[in-house]
Amino acid sequence: MVTNNLTTLVIGASGATGKELVNQLILRGQNVKVIVRPLTKIPDRWETNKSISIIKANVSEIEVNEIAN
């Protein structure tokens, strides 16, 4: 397992490939920030996982500081 202070941004995390990518990153000890559409269903375990930050928004409406923080 790799642990570090880096965070991986996953856009489109609610799709099949995105979900698998997030799961693999978490298994490897990565911090993950995901962007999903506001009404998209995401796995319940993501809501409680401290390694995952969730941004519910359309990509075109996100401010740079939302991604950076």
Protein backbone atom coordinates (compact mmCIF):
# COMPACT_ATOMS: atom_id res chain seq x y z
CA MET A 1 0.00 0.00 0.00
CA VAL A 2 1.24 3.43 -0.95
CA THR A 3 0.49 6.32 1.38
CA ASN A 4 1.26 9.93 0.60
CA ASN A 5 -0.22 13.39 0.80
CA LEU A 6 -1.23 13.55 -2.85
CA THR A 7 -4.85 13.57 -3.91
CA THR A 8 -6.04 12.11 -7.20
CA LEU A 9 -8.91 13.90 -8.96
CA VAL A 10 -11.38 11.62 -10.73
CA ILE A 11 -13.87 13.27 -13.08
CA GLY A 12 -16.76 11.03 -14.07
CA ALA A 13 -16.38 8.93 -10.96
CA SER A 14 -19.97 7.72 -11.03
CA GLY A 15 -19.54 5.68 -14.22
CA ALA A 16 -18.46 2.05 -14.17
CA THR A 17 -14.83 2.82 -15.00
CA GLY A 18 -14.70 5.79 -12.63
CA LYS A 19 -16.08 3.75 -9.73
CA GLU A 20 -13.53 1.02 -10.33
CA LEU A 21 -10.72 3.58 -10.52
CA VAL A 22 -11.79 5.17 -7.22
CA ASN A 23 -11.97 1.76 -5.55
CA GLN A 24 -8.48 0.83 -6.79
CA LEU A 25 -7.01 4.15 -5.65
CA ILE A 26 -8.52 3.74 -2.18
CA LEU A 27 -7.17 0.20 -1.93
CA ARG A 28 -3.73 1.64 -2.66
CA GLY A 29 -4.06 4.19 0.13
CA GLN A 30 -4.60 7.24 -2.07
CA ASN A 31 -6.71 10.25 -1.18
CA VAL A 32 -9.30 10.80 -3.89
CA LYS A 33 -11.41 13.79 -4.88
CA VAL A 34 -14.33 12.89 -7.12
CA ILE A 35 -16.57 15.05 -9.25
CA VAL A 36 -20.05 13.70 -9.92
CA ARG A 37 -23.21 15.31 -11.24
CA PRO A 38 -25.48 16.62 -8.45
CA LEU A 39 -28.23 14.00 -8.84
CA THR A 40 -25.96 11.03 -9.45
CA LYS A 41 -26.15 8.01 -7.14
CA ILE A 42 -22.78 7.13 -5.66
CA PRO A 43 -21.80 4.24 -3.40
CA ASP A 44 -22.84 4.86 0.22
CA ARG A 45 -19.36 3.87 1.44
CA TRP A 46 -17.90 6.88 -0.40
CA GLU A 47 -19.92 9.26 1.80
CA THR A 48 -18.29 7.90 4.95
CA ASN A 49 -14.77 7.29 3.65
CA LYS A 50 -12.37 9.95 4.95
CA SER A 51 -10.05 9.36 1.98
CA ILE A 52 -12.71 10.51 -0.49
CA SER A 53 -13.80 14.12 -1.04
CA ILE A 54 -16.96 14.48 -3.10
CA ILE A 55 -17.86 17.45 -5.28
CA LYS A 56 -21.41 17.25 -6.60
CA ALA A 57 -21.55 19.66 -9.51
CA ASN A 58 -21.43 19.95 -13.26
CA VAL A 59 -17.80 20.20 -14.35
CA SER A 60 -18.47 23.43 -16.23
CA GLU A 61 -19.76 25.09 -13.06
CA ILE A 62 -16.87 24.27 -10.71
CA GLU A 63 -14.59 27.01 -9.43
CA VAL A 64 -10.86 26.34 -9.34
CA ASN A 65 -10.74 26.73 -5.56
CA GLU A 66 -13.26 23.87 -5.16
CA ILE A 67 -10.86 21.53 -6.93
CA ALA A 68 -7.75 22.87 -5.22
CA ASN A 69 -9.00 22.59 -1.64
